C-alpha atoms as a PDB file:
ATOM      1  CA  MET A   1      28.034  24.861  20.029  1.00  0.00           C
ATOM      2  CA  LYS A   2      25.770  21.796  20.056  1.00  0.00           C
ATOM      3  CA  LYS A   3      26.142  19.275  22.862  1.00  0.00           C
ATOM      4  CA  ARG A   4      27.324  15.823  21.840  1.00  0.00           C
ATOM      5  CA  LEU A   5      24.437  13.346  21.613  1.00  0.00           C
ATOM      6  CA  PRO A   6      24.477  11.018  24.661  1.00  0.00           C
ATOM      7  CA  PRO A   7      24.881   7.262  24.166  1.00  0.00           C
ATOM      8  CA  LEU A   8      21.619   5.474  23.370  1.00  0.00           C
ATOM      9  CA  ASN A   9      21.848   3.139  26.388  1.00  0.00           C
ATOM     10  CA  TRP A  10      21.980   6.157  28.712  1.00  0.00           C
ATOM     11  CA  LEU A  11      18.892   7.628  27.063  1.00  0.00           C
ATOM     12  CA  ARG A  12      17.036   4.306  27.274  1.00  0.00           C
ATOM     13  CA  ALA A  13      17.885   4.024  30.955  1.00  0.00           C
ATOM     14  CA  PHE A  14      16.589   7.546  31.583  1.00  0.00           C
ATOM     15  CA  GLU A  15      13.406   6.991  29.519  1.00  0.00           C
ATOM     16  CA  SER A  16      12.516   3.777  31.316  1.00  0.00           C
ATOM     17  CA  ALA A  17      13.336   5.138  34.785  1.00  0.00           C
ATOM     18  CA  ALA A  18      11.353   8.310  34.096  1.00  0.00           C
ATOM     19  CA  ARG A  19       8.361   6.337  32.846  1.00  0.00           C
ATOM     20  CA  HIS A  20       8.331   4.036  35.886  1.00  0.00           C
ATOM     21  CA  LEU A  21       9.801   6.578  38.337  1.00  0.00           C
ATOM     22  CA  SER A  22      11.906   3.676  39.547  1.00  0.00           C
ATOM     23  CA  PHE A  23      15.429   2.461  38.826  1.00  0.00           C
ATOM     24  CA  THR A  24      14.387  -1.028  39.939  1.00  0.00           C
ATOM     25  CA  HIS A  25      11.499  -1.307  37.443  1.00  0.00           C
ATOM     26  CA  ALA A  26      13.669   0.149  34.690  1.00  0.00           C
ATOM     27  CA  ALA A  27      16.327  -2.459  35.461  1.00  0.00           C
ATOM     28  CA  ILE A  28      13.764  -5.272  35.117  1.00  0.00           C
ATOM     29  CA  GLU A  29      12.452  -3.868  31.816  1.00  0.00           C
ATOM     30  CA  LEU A  30      15.910  -3.461  30.277  1.00  0.00           C
ATOM     31  CA  ASN A  31      17.333  -6.653  31.756  1.00  0.00           C
ATOM     32  CA  LEU A  32      20.019  -4.775  33.696  1.00  0.00           C
ATOM     33  CA  THR A  33      20.880  -4.352  37.351  1.00  0.00           C
ATOM     34  CA  GLN A  34      19.498  -1.467  39.397  1.00  0.00           C
ATOM     35  CA  ALA A  35      23.066  -0.235  39.922  1.00  0.00           C
ATOM     36  CA  ALA A  36      23.700  -0.197  36.158  1.00  0.00           C
ATOM     37  CA  ILE A  37      20.586   1.922  35.542  1.00  0.00           C
ATOM     38  CA  SER A  38      21.625   4.344  38.305  1.00  0.00           C
ATOM     39  CA  GLN A  39      25.143   4.650  36.875  1.00  0.00           C
ATOM     40  CA  GLN A  40      23.902   5.285  33.333  1.00  0.00           C
ATOM     41  CA  VAL A  41      21.486   7.978  34.523  1.00  0.00           C
ATOM     42  CA  LYS A  42      24.265   9.654  36.540  1.00  0.00           C
ATOM     43  CA  ALA A  43      26.519   9.575  33.477  1.00  0.00           C
ATOM     44  CA  LEU A  44      23.746  11.179  31.407  1.00  0.00           C
ATOM     45  CA  GLU A  45      23.206  13.890  34.000  1.00  0.00           C
ATOM     46  CA  SER A  46      26.939  14.553  34.124  1.00  0.00           C
ATOM     47  CA  GLN A  47      27.191  14.962  30.347  1.00  0.00           C
ATOM     48  CA  LEU A  48      24.117  17.193  30.184  1.00  0.00           C
ATOM     49  CA  GLY A  49      25.230  19.217  33.184  1.00  0.00           C
ATOM     50  CA  ALA A  50      21.811  19.036  34.843  1.00  0.00           C
ATOM     51  CA  ALA A  51      19.958  16.843  37.343  1.00  0.00           C
ATOM     52  CA  LEU A  52      17.081  14.870  35.804  1.00  0.00           C
ATOM     53  CA  PHE A  53      15.773  13.169  38.970  1.00  0.00           C
ATOM     54  CA  ARG A  54      15.343  13.928  42.612  1.00  0.00           C
ATOM     55  CA  ARG A  55      16.279  10.834  44.599  1.00  0.00           C
ATOM     56  CA  LEU A  56      13.630  10.419  47.322  1.00  0.00           C
ATOM     57  CA  PRO A  57      13.521   7.884  50.161  1.00  0.00           C
ATOM     58  CA  ARG A  58      10.685   6.005  48.456  1.00  0.00           C
ATOM     59  CA  GLY A  59      11.309   6.515  44.770  1.00  0.00           C
ATOM     60  CA  LEU A  60      12.164   9.085  42.159  1.00  0.00           C
ATOM     61  CA  GLU A  61      10.774  12.405  41.051  1.00  0.00           C
ATOM     62  CA  LEU A  62      11.594  14.212  37.824  1.00  0.00           C
ATOM     63  CA  THR A  63      13.113  17.664  38.079  1.00  0.00           C
ATOM     64  CA  GLU A  64      11.795  20.458  35.895  1.00  0.00           C
ATOM     65  CA  THR A  65      14.609  19.718  33.467  1.00  0.00           C
ATOM     66  CA  GLY A  66      13.754  16.019  33.553  1.00  0.00           C
ATOM     67  CA  LEU A  67      10.073  16.777  32.930  1.00  0.00           C
ATOM     68  CA  ALA A  68      11.013  18.840  29.874  1.00  0.00           C
ATOM     69  CA  TYR A  69      13.472  16.245  28.537  1.00  0.00           C
ATOM     70  CA  PHE A  70      11.384  13.099  29.078  1.00  0.00           C
ATOM     71  CA  PRO A  71       8.713  13.604  26.330  1.00  0.00           C
ATOM     72  CA  VAL A  72      11.385  14.195  23.702  1.00  0.00           C
ATOM     73  CA  VAL A  73      13.423  11.136  24.668  1.00  0.00           C
ATOM     74  CA  HIS A  74      10.287   8.986  25.058  1.00  0.00           C
ATOM     75  CA  GLU A  75       9.052   9.856  21.567  1.00  0.00           C
ATOM     76  CA  ALA A  76      12.475   9.226  20.038  1.00  0.00           C
ATOM     77  CA  VAL A  77      12.829   5.814  21.704  1.00  0.00           C
ATOM     78  CA  ASP A  78       9.281   4.844  20.709  1.00  0.00           C
ATOM     79  CA  ARG A  79       9.851   5.844  17.105  1.00  0.00           C
ATOM     80  CA  MET A  80      13.123   3.929  16.889  1.00  0.00           C
ATOM     81  CA  ALA A  81      11.503   0.838  18.409  1.00  0.00           C
ATOM     82  CA  ALA A  82       8.536   1.011  15.996  1.00  0.00           C
ATOM     83  CA  ALA A  83      10.776   1.518  12.956  1.00  0.00           C
ATOM     84  CA  THR A  84      13.080  -1.325  13.989  1.00  0.00           C
ATOM     85  CA  ASP A  85      10.132  -3.690  14.425  1.00  0.00           C
ATOM     86  CA  GLU A  86       8.580  -2.644  11.123  1.00  0.00           C
ATOM     87  CA  ILE A  87      11.749  -3.043   9.098  1.00  0.00           C
ATOM     88  CA  PHE A  88      13.534  -5.883  10.891  1.00  0.00           C
ATOM     89  CA  GLY A  89      10.939  -7.490  13.176  1.00  0.00           C
ATOM     90  CA  LYS A  90       9.409 -10.950  13.011  1.00  0.00           C
ATOM     91  CA  GLY A  91       6.491  -9.654  10.971  1.00  0.00           C
ATOM     92  CA  HIS A  92       8.766  -8.203   8.293  1.00  0.00           C
ATOM     93  CA  HIS A  93       8.131  -9.684   4.854  1.00  0.00           C
ATOM     94  CA  ARG A  94      10.939  -9.917   2.338  1.00  0.00           C
ATOM     95  CA  VAL A  95      10.510  -7.931  -0.862  1.00  0.00           C
ATOM     96  CA  LEU A  96      11.044  -9.528  -4.268  1.00  0.00           C
ATOM     97  CA  THR A  97      11.797  -6.989  -7.005  1.00  0.00           C
ATOM     98  CA  LEU A  98      10.353  -8.125 -10.340  1.00  0.00           C
ATOM     99  CA  ARG A  99      11.027  -6.358 -13.625  1.00  0.00           C
ATOM    100  CA  VAL A 100       8.477  -6.918 -16.396  1.00  0.00           C
ATOM    101  CA  SER A 101       7.073  -5.131 -19.428  1.00  0.00           C
ATOM    102  CA  LEU A 102       3.906  -3.189 -18.784  1.00  0.00           C
ATOM    103  CA  VAL A 103       1.878  -4.956 -21.469  1.00  0.00           C
ATOM    104  CA  PHE A 104       2.843  -8.388 -20.134  1.00  0.00           C
ATOM    105  CA  PHE A 105       1.934  -7.305 -16.622  1.00  0.00           C
ATOM    106  CA  ILE A 106      -1.507  -6.043 -17.667  1.00  0.00           C
ATOM    107  CA  HIS A 107      -2.482  -8.915 -19.935  1.00  0.00           C
ATOM    108  CA  TRP A 108      -0.853 -11.916 -18.220  1.00  0.00           C
ATOM    109  CA  LEU A 109       0.828 -11.378 -14.870  1.00  0.00           C
ATOM    110  CA  SER A 110      -1.806  -9.260 -13.131  1.00  0.00           C
ATOM    111  CA  THR A 111      -4.434 -12.015 -13.330  1.00  0.00           C
ATOM    112  CA  ARG A 112      -2.034 -14.473 -11.678  1.00  0.00           C
ATOM    113  CA  LEU A 113      -0.857 -12.269  -8.822  1.00  0.00           C
ATOM    114  CA  PRO A 114      -3.706 -13.280  -6.453  1.00  0.00           C
ATOM    115  CA  GLY A 115      -2.650 -16.916  -6.809  1.00  0.00           C
ATOM    116  CA  PHE A 116       0.978 -16.008  -6.152  1.00  0.00           C
ATOM    117  CA  ARG A 117      -0.019 -14.136  -2.985  1.00  0.00           C
ATOM    118  CA  GLU A 118      -1.949 -17.176  -1.748  1.00  0.00           C
ATOM    119  CA  LEU A 119       1.050 -19.446  -2.315  1.00  0.00           C
ATOM    120  CA  HIS A 120       3.600 -16.971  -0.922  1.00  0.00           C
ATOM    121  CA  PRO A 121       1.925 -14.656   1.610  1.00  0.00           C
ATOM    122  CA  ASP A 122       5.301 -13.846   3.174  1.00  0.00           C
ATOM    123  CA  VAL A 123       6.671 -12.300  -0.035  1.00  0.00           C
ATOM    124  CA  ASN A 124       5.939  -8.701  -0.980  1.00  0.00           C
ATOM    125  CA  LEU A 125       6.439  -7.776  -4.624  1.00  0.00           C
ATOM    126  CA  LEU A 126       8.001  -4.608  -5.968  1.00  0.00           C
ATOM    127  CA  ILE A 127       7.129  -4.533  -9.671  1.00  0.00           C
ATOM    128  CA  THR A 128       9.050  -2.268 -12.038  1.00  0.00           C
ATOM    129  CA  SER A 129       8.573  -1.844 -15.785  1.00  0.00           C
ATOM    130  CA  ASN A 130      11.124  -2.306 -18.552  1.00  0.00           C
ATOM    131  CA  ILE A 131      10.705  -0.526 -21.864  1.00  0.00           C
ATOM    132  CA  TRP A 132      13.355  -1.899 -24.179  1.00  0.00           C
ATOM    133  CA  GLU A 133      14.242  -5.533 -24.737  1.00  0.00           C
ATOM    134  CA  GLY A 134      17.731  -6.354 -23.562  1.00  0.00           C
ATOM    135  CA  GLU A 135      17.772  -3.792 -20.770  1.00  0.00           C
ATOM    136  CA  THR A 136      19.070  -5.086 -17.461  1.00  0.00           C
ATOM    137  CA  ASP A 137      18.447  -3.872 -13.945  1.00  0.00           C
ATOM    138  CA  ALA A 138      21.041  -4.735 -11.316  1.00  0.00           C
ATOM    139  CA  ASP A 139      18.527  -4.027  -8.546  1.00  0.00           C
ATOM    140  CA  ALA A 140      15.916  -6.513  -9.827  1.00  0.00           C
ATOM    141  CA  ASP A 141      15.807  -9.967  -8.222  1.00  0.00           C
ATOM    142  CA  MET A 142      14.018 -11.405 -11.235  1.00  0.00           C
ATOM    143  CA  GLU A 143      12.991 -10.333 -14.730  1.00  0.00           C
ATOM    144  CA  ILE A 144      10.388 -11.545 -17.188  1.00  0.00           C
ATOM    145  CA  ARG A 145      11.647 -11.077 -20.727  1.00  0.00           C
ATOM    146  CA  HIS A 146      10.085 -11.810 -24.112  1.00  0.00           C
ATOM    147  CA  GLU A 147      12.975 -13.270 -26.076  1.00  0.00           C
ATOM    148  CA  ASN A 148      14.531 -16.638 -26.910  1.00  0.00           C
ATOM    149  CA  GLY A 149      15.344 -17.679 -23.328  1.00  0.00           C
ATOM    150  CA  LYS A 150      19.138 -17.734 -23.737  1.00  0.00           C
ATOM    151  CA  TRP A 151      21.139 -15.226 -21.701  1.00  0.00           C
ATOM    152  CA  ALA A 152      24.688 -15.781 -20.518  1.00  0.00           C
ATOM    153  CA  GLY A 153      24.883 -15.947 -16.736  1.00  0.00           C
ATOM    154  CA  PHE A 154      21.113 -16.196 -16.226  1.00  0.00           C
ATOM    155  CA  LYS A 155      18.821 -19.130 -15.523  1.00  0.00           C
ATOM    156  CA  ALA A 156      15.453 -18.931 -17.286  1.00  0.00           C
ATOM    157  CA  GLU A 157      12.216 -20.909 -17.271  1.00  0.00           C
ATOM    158  CA  ARG A 158       9.632 -20.642 -20.044  1.00  0.00           C
ATOM    159  CA  LEU A 159       6.335 -19.094 -18.970  1.00  0.00           C
ATOM    160  CA  THR A 160       4.361 -18.858 -22.237  1.00  0.00           C
ATOM    161  CA  TRP A 161       4.052 -20.498 -25.650  1.00  0.00           C
ATOM    162  CA  ASP A 162       3.210 -17.692 -28.042  1.00  0.00           C
ATOM    163  CA  SER A 163       1.812 -17.229 -31.521  1.00  0.00           C
ATOM    164  CA  LEU A 164       1.915 -14.074 -33.604  1.00  0.00           C
ATOM    165  CA  PHE A 165      -1.309 -12.761 -35.084  1.00  0.00           C
ATOM    166  CA  PRO A 166      -2.541  -9.372 -36.261  1.00  0.00           C
ATOM    167  CA  VAL A 167      -5.275  -7.730 -34.226  1.00  0.00           C
ATOM    168  CA  CYS A 168      -7.641  -4.947 -35.134  1.00  0.00           C
ATOM    169  CA  ALA A 169     -10.388  -2.751 -33.777  1.00  0.00           C
ATOM    170  CA  SER A 170     -13.709  -4.457 -33.054  1.00  0.00           C
ATOM    171  CA  PHE A 171     -15.475  -2.634 -35.910  1.00  0.00           C
ATOM    172  CA  LEU A 172     -13.099  -4.127 -38.498  1.00  0.00           C
ATOM    173  CA  PRO A 173     -13.154  -5.669 -41.055  1.00  0.00           C
ATOM    174  CA  SER A 174     -15.671  -3.672 -43.058  1.00  0.00           C
ATOM    175  CA  ASP A 175     -16.998  -3.734 -46.620  1.00  0.00           C
ATOM    176  CA  LYS A 176     -14.491  -1.066 -47.611  1.00  0.00           C
ATOM    177  CA  LEU A 177     -11.611  -2.594 -45.648  1.00  0.00           C
ATOM    178  CA  PRO A 178     -11.848  -6.398 -45.816  1.00  0.00           C
ATOM    179  CA  LEU A 179      -9.526  -8.751 -43.966  1.00  0.00           C
ATOM    180  CA  SER A 180     -10.179 -12.109 -45.537  1.00  0.00           C
ATOM    181  CA  THR A 181      -6.519 -12.942 -46.223  1.00  0.00           C
ATOM    182  CA  PRO A 182      -3.126 -11.557 -45.177  1.00  0.00           C
ATOM    183  CA  ASN A 183      -2.899  -9.876 -48.590  1.00  0.00           C
ATOM    184  CA  ASP A 184      -5.704  -7.520 -47.514  1.00  0.00           C
ATOM    185  CA  LEU A 185      -3.266  -5.907 -45.066  1.00  0.00           C
ATOM    186  CA  ALA A 186      -1.864  -3.966 -48.017  1.00  0.00           C
ATOM    187  CA  HIS A 187      -4.938  -1.713 -47.694  1.00  0.00           C
ATOM    188  CA  HIS A 188      -4.500  -1.102 -43.952  1.00  0.00           C
ATOM    189  CA  GLU A 189      -2.090   1.012 -41.965  1.00  0.00           C
ATOM    190  CA  LEU A 190       0.348  -1.090 -39.956  1.00  0.00           C
ATOM    191  CA  LEU A 191       1.455  -0.294 -36.420  1.00  0.00           C
ATOM    192  CA  HIS A 192       5.047  -1.125 -35.491  1.00  0.00           C
ATOM    193  CA  VAL A 193       6.738  -1.618 -32.108  1.00  0.00           C
ATOM    194  CA  LEU A 194      10.383  -0.610 -31.984  1.00  0.00           C
ATOM    195  CA  GLY A 195      12.831  -3.230 -30.745  1.00  0.00           C
ATOM    196  CA  TYR A 196      10.823  -6.314 -31.786  1.00  0.00           C
ATOM    197  CA  GLU A 197      12.694  -8.587 -34.194  1.00  0.00           C
ATOM    198  CA  GLU A 198       9.560 -10.518 -35.098  1.00  0.00           C
ATOM    199  CA  GLY A 199       7.711  -7.576 -36.615  1.00  0.00           C
ATOM    200  CA  TRP A 200       5.459  -7.223 -39.606  1.00  0.00           C
ATOM    201  CA  GLY A 201       8.136  -8.319 -42.091  1.00  0.00           C
ATOM    202  CA  TYR A 202       8.686 -11.562 -40.162  1.00  0.00           C
ATOM    203  CA  TRP A 203       4.961 -12.333 -39.871  1.00  0.00           C
ATOM    204  CA  LEU A 204       4.115 -11.507 -43.501  1.00  0.00           C
ATOM    205  CA  LYS A 205       6.904 -13.797 -44.717  1.00  0.00           C
ATOM    206  CA  LYS A 206       5.669 -16.618 -42.458  1.00  0.00           C
ATOM    207  CA  VAL A 207       2.154 -16.462 -43.950  1.00  0.00           C
ATOM    208  CA  GLY A 208       3.322 -16.090 -47.554  1.00  0.00           C
ATOM    209  CA  ALA A 209       2.420 -12.410 -47.977  1.00  0.00           C
ATOM    210  CA  ASP A 210       5.884 -10.871 -47.976  1.00  0.00           C
ATOM    211  CA  HIS A 211       5.012  -8.811 -51.069  1.00  0.00           C
ATOM    212  CA  VAL A 212       2.907  -6.575 -48.783  1.00  0.00           C
ATOM    213  CA  ASP A 213       4.859  -3.409 -47.889  1.00  0.00           C
ATOM    214  CA  SER A 214       5.745  -3.869 -44.221  1.00  0.00           C
ATOM    215  CA  SER A 215       7.575  -0.565 -43.841  1.00  0.00           C
ATOM    216  CA  GLN A 216       4.582   1.784 -43.907  1.00  0.00           C
ATOM    217  CA  GLY A 217       2.644   2.855 -40.825  1.00  0.00           C
ATOM    218  CA  LEU A 218       3.100   4.290 -37.345  1.00  0.00           C
ATOM    219  CA  GLN A 219       5.890   3.365 -34.904  1.00  0.00           C
ATOM    220  CA  PHE A 220       5.685   3.084 -31.109  1.00  0.00           C
ATOM    221  CA  ASP A 221       8.238   2.417 -28.401  1.00  0.00           C
ATOM    222  CA  THR A 222       5.893   0.200 -26.345  1.00  0.00           C
ATOM    223  CA  LEU A 223       3.544  -2.609 -27.324  1.00  0.00           C
ATOM    224  CA  ILE A 224       0.828  -1.343 -25.010  1.00  0.00           C
ATOM    225  CA  SER A 225       0.724   1.994 -26.870  1.00  0.00           C
ATOM    226  CA  ALA A 226       0.410   0.255 -30.232  1.00  0.00           C
ATOM    227  CA  LEU A 227      -2.316  -2.043 -28.942  1.00  0.00           C
ATOM    228  CA  LYS A 228      -4.314   0.930 -27.701  1.00  0.00           C
ATOM    229  CA  MET A 229      -4.091   2.575 -31.117  1.00  0.00           C
ATOM    230  CA  ALA A 230      -5.152  -0.692 -32.769  1.00  0.00           C
ATOM    231  CA  GLU A 231      -8.120  -0.880 -30.404  1.00  0.00           C
ATOM    232  CA  LEU A 232      -9.133   2.639 -31.417  1.00  0.00           C
ATOM    233  CA  GLY A 233      -8.962   1.687 -35.082  1.00  0.00           C
ATOM    234  CA  VAL A 234      -5.666   3.079 -36.400  1.00  0.00           C
ATOM    235  CA  ARG A 235      -5.608   0.419 -37.805  1.00  0.00           C
ATOM    236  CA  ARG A 236      -3.773  -2.810 -37.317  1.00  0.00           C
ATOM    237  CA  GLU A 237      -1.175  -4.264 -34.923  1.00  0.00           C
ATOM    238  CA  LYS A 238       0.861  -7.452 -34.813  1.00  0.00           C
ATOM    239  CA  ALA A 239       0.862  -8.813 -31.251  1.00  0.00           C
ATOM    240  CA  ALA A 240       2.399 -11.732 -29.356  1.00  0.00           C
ATOM    241  CA  LEU A 241      -0.087 -12.054 -26.519  1.00  0.00           C
ATOM    242  CA  SER A 242      -1.543 -15.279 -25.178  1.00  0.00           C
ATOM    243  CA  SER A 243      -4.871 -13.774 -24.067  1.00  0.00           C
ATOM    244  CA  GLY A 244      -6.688 -10.764 -22.711  1.00  0.00           C
ATOM    245  CA  CYS A 245      -6.156  -8.314 -25.574  1.00  0.00           C
ATOM    246  CA  LYS A 246      -9.123  -6.071 -26.340  1.00  0.00           C
ATOM    247  CA  PRO A 247      -8.379  -5.717 -30.089  1.00  0.00           C
ATOM    248  CA  ARG A 248      -9.663  -8.857 -31.797  1.00  0.00           C
ATOM    249  CA  PRO A 249      -7.639 -11.216 -34.046  1.00  0.00           C
ATOM    250  CA  ALA A 250      -7.711 -10.198 -37.690  1.00  0.00           C
ATOM    251  CA  THR A 251      -6.210 -13.200 -39.540  1.00  0.00           C
ATOM    252  CA  ALA A 252      -4.543 -16.545 -38.871  1.00  0.00           C
ATOM    253  CA  PRO A 253      -1.605 -16.802 -36.426  1.00  0.00           C
ATOM    254  CA  ALA A 254       2.020 -17.640 -37.187  1.00  0.00           C
ATOM    255  CA  GLY A 255       4.592 -19.348 -34.987  1.00  0.00           C
ATOM    256  CA  SER A 256       6.943 -17.242 -32.854  1.00  0.00           C
ATOM    257  CA  ASN A 257      10.529 -18.009 -31.935  1.00  0.00           C
ATOM    258  CA  ARG A 258      10.158 -15.888 -28.807  1.00  0.00           C
ATOM    259  CA  SER A 259       8.264 -16.382 -25.574  1.00  0.00           C
ATOM    260  CA  SER A 260       8.198 -14.951 -22.069  1.00  0.00           C
ATOM    261  CA  TYR A 261      10.739 -16.286 -19.579  1.00  0.00           C
ATOM    262  CA  GLY A 262      11.266 -15.856 -15.842  1.00  0.00           C
ATOM    263  CA  GLY A 263      13.148 -17.561 -13.009  1.00  0.00           C
ATOM    264  CA  ASN A 264      12.251 -21.075 -11.860  1.00  0.00           C
ATOM    265  CA  GLU A 265      10.327 -19.889  -8.794  1.00  0.00           C
ATOM    266  CA  MET A 266       8.267 -17.542 -10.954  1.00  0.00           C
ATOM    267  CA  ALA A 267       7.403 -20.295 -13.408  1.00  0.00           C
ATOM    268  CA  GLU A 268       6.207 -22.600 -10.625  1.00  0.00           C
ATOM    269  CA  ALA A 269       4.180 -19.889  -8.958  1.00  0.00           C
ATOM    270  CA  PHE A 270       2.454 -18.533 -12.053  1.00  0.00           C
ATOM    271  CA  GLY A 271       2.404 -21.608 -14.231  1.00  0.00           C
END
């Protein structure tokens, strides 16, 4: 049967006294009286059923049992002290959990993070990715969403003013596949992102080309996947990015009813 773990204050008293080989020095270190240290060590010895010290006229000496026990207790106390300081100490930085789409992080947020760190060096960021619009994460302190900015129970600040425009691979257009007007998109394969209300049908109607079949093409569950395929040339993607997209614009932009929103602190820091 395992022995019951001794109280932590008894172990601390033993560790300090064993390190200094003095009840007096241990008392000073732990801000206790010499008598209190002696009593706690005696209580520890009584529970363990073994003597840990030899009391000498001019100090202390560890018994063989004490010599064997001291390294274990010393390491445990050190590890607890280090962990406590790391997690709860003065140097501990609070962590802000931010939820954001991967494509927005790569093309917008990542370039602004150095500035945020300069303004708020005491804040560590934990960045998680959301896939579908409308998802919520109870563990996130803040989210950046690409919608209309109206959510019941949430306070939002606009971060971007977006336009919608098709983008294509850098080697397009070509003689065989021109892109002079939106009507030319009828001869190109369209790439769709699931969950976006302002898709190809919305954009084509805005630019007066709603007769173009907007239902054909490939579908993706993330914008970043569709953009990569557009970059590789298969073959066209509608995007709502402010800057930084490798595929180049193909035709004129159209207005978007959606933008990216975050909390007030985020808007001030990254604005």
